[in-house]
Amino acid sequence: MKTLRHRSAVAAVAVTVAMLGITTACGSNEKPAPTTSTTTTTTTTPASTSVPPSPSPTEKGSDGGGPNSFSPTVKAPPPPTAIPGNN
């Protein structure tokens, strides 16, 4: 009986020390960032009335009407079929 109590006490101390170690290792000791205030001034220019040029087409653009060029060419074989009632 005394051995069981002794082992339980040792286990409880070990668990407590482990939890304290994990808490200390994973805790953050970071100082809060200092707060600073910044003032920004913005100026606006009148919008131009010219139309920007249209974007150029990309190389990977699709044809539009043909088959999907990004789909794989290899088709998987169909699954085997069994006679109804045979699993």
Protein backbone atom coordinates (compact mmCIF):
# COMPACT_ATOMS: atom_id res chain seq x y z
CA MET A 1 0.00 0.00 0.00
CA LYS A 2 2.84 2.35 0.86
CA THR A 3 4.50 1.70 -2.52
CA LEU A 4 1.32 2.61 -4.40
CA ARG A 5 1.04 5.93 -2.55
CA HIS A 6 4.70 6.63 -3.14
CA ARG A 7 4.38 5.95 -6.89
CA SER A 8 1.24 8.07 -7.10
CA ALA A 9 2.95 10.96 -5.34
CA VAL A 10 5.98 10.73 -7.64
CA ALA A 11 3.71 10.60 -10.69
CA ALA A 12 1.75 13.65 -9.50
CA VAL A 13 4.97 15.62 -8.94
CA ALA A 14 6.28 14.57 -12.37
CA VAL A 15 3.05 15.63 -14.07
CA THR A 16 3.06 18.96 -12.24
CA VAL A 17 6.67 19.66 -13.21
CA ALA A 18 5.96 18.69 -16.82
CA MET A 19 2.93 20.98 -17.01
CA LEU A 20 4.89 23.87 -15.55
CA GLY A 21 7.68 23.25 -18.04
CA ILE A 22 5.29 23.22 -20.98
CA THR A 23 3.56 26.35 -19.74
CA THR A 24 6.87 28.15 -19.36
CA ALA A 25 8.20 27.01 -22.72
CA CYS A 26 5.06 27.87 -24.66
CA GLY A 27 4.21 31.08 -22.85
CA SER A 28 4.92 34.39 -24.53
CA ASN A 29 7.03 37.04 -22.86
CA GLU A 30 6.56 39.53 -25.65
CA LYS A 31 6.23 43.16 -24.76
CA PRO A 32 3.33 44.97 -26.35
CA ALA A 33 4.29 46.95 -29.42
CA PRO A 34 4.67 50.66 -28.77
CA THR A 35 1.82 52.66 -30.17
CA THR A 36 2.70 55.48 -32.48
CA SER A 37 0.46 57.81 -34.35
CA THR A 38 1.22 58.76 -37.91
CA THR A 39 -0.29 61.48 -39.97
CA THR A 40 -0.53 61.09 -43.72
CA THR A 41 -1.60 63.63 -46.24
CA THR A 42 -2.93 62.69 -49.63
CA THR A 43 -3.36 64.77 -52.71
CA THR A 44 -5.65 63.96 -55.57
CA THR A 45 -5.18 64.79 -59.19
CA PRO A 46 -8.03 65.22 -61.62
CA ALA A 47 -8.94 62.03 -63.47
CA SER A 48 -7.87 61.85 -67.08
CA THR A 49 -10.46 61.14 -69.71
CA SER A 50 -8.28 58.89 -71.87
CA VAL A 51 -9.17 55.20 -72.15
CA PRO A 52 -6.45 52.77 -71.01
CA PRO A 53 -5.30 50.20 -73.60
CA SER A 54 -6.94 46.79 -73.52
CA PRO A 55 -4.88 43.98 -71.96
CA SER A 56 -3.02 41.65 -74.30
CA PRO A 57 -4.19 38.01 -74.51
CA THR A 58 -2.31 35.39 -72.53
CA GLU A 59 -0.62 32.32 -73.96
CA LYS A 60 -2.77 29.90 -71.96
CA GLY A 61 -6.04 31.29 -73.20
CA SER A 62 -8.57 28.74 -74.47
CA ASP A 63 -9.72 28.49 -78.08
CA GLY A 64 -13.29 29.10 -77.06
CA GLY A 65 -15.02 26.58 -79.31
CA GLY A 66 -12.83 23.47 -79.35
CA PRO A 67 -12.49 20.65 -76.83
CA ASN A 68 -10.98 21.38 -73.46
CA SER A 69 -7.23 21.39 -74.05
CA PHE A 70 -6.52 20.98 -70.32
CA SER A 71 -8.34 17.66 -69.91
CA PRO A 72 -6.27 14.45 -69.80
CA THR A 73 -6.07 12.30 -72.89
CA VAL A 74 -5.89 8.97 -71.02
CA LYS A 75 -9.23 7.43 -70.09
CA ALA A 76 -9.58 4.93 -67.23
CA PRO A 77 -11.06 1.52 -68.03
CA PRO A 78 -14.65 0.98 -66.85
CA PRO A 79 -15.22 -0.98 -63.62
CA PRO A 80 -15.89 -4.70 -63.90
CA THR A 81 -19.52 -5.69 -63.80
CA ALA A 82 -20.95 -8.65 -61.95
CA ILE A 83 -24.04 -10.70 -62.55
CA PRO A 84 -26.95 -9.22 -60.55
CA GLY A 85 -27.24 -10.93 -57.20
CA ASN A 86 -23.51 -11.75 -56.95
CA ASN A 87 -21.67 -9.32 -54.77
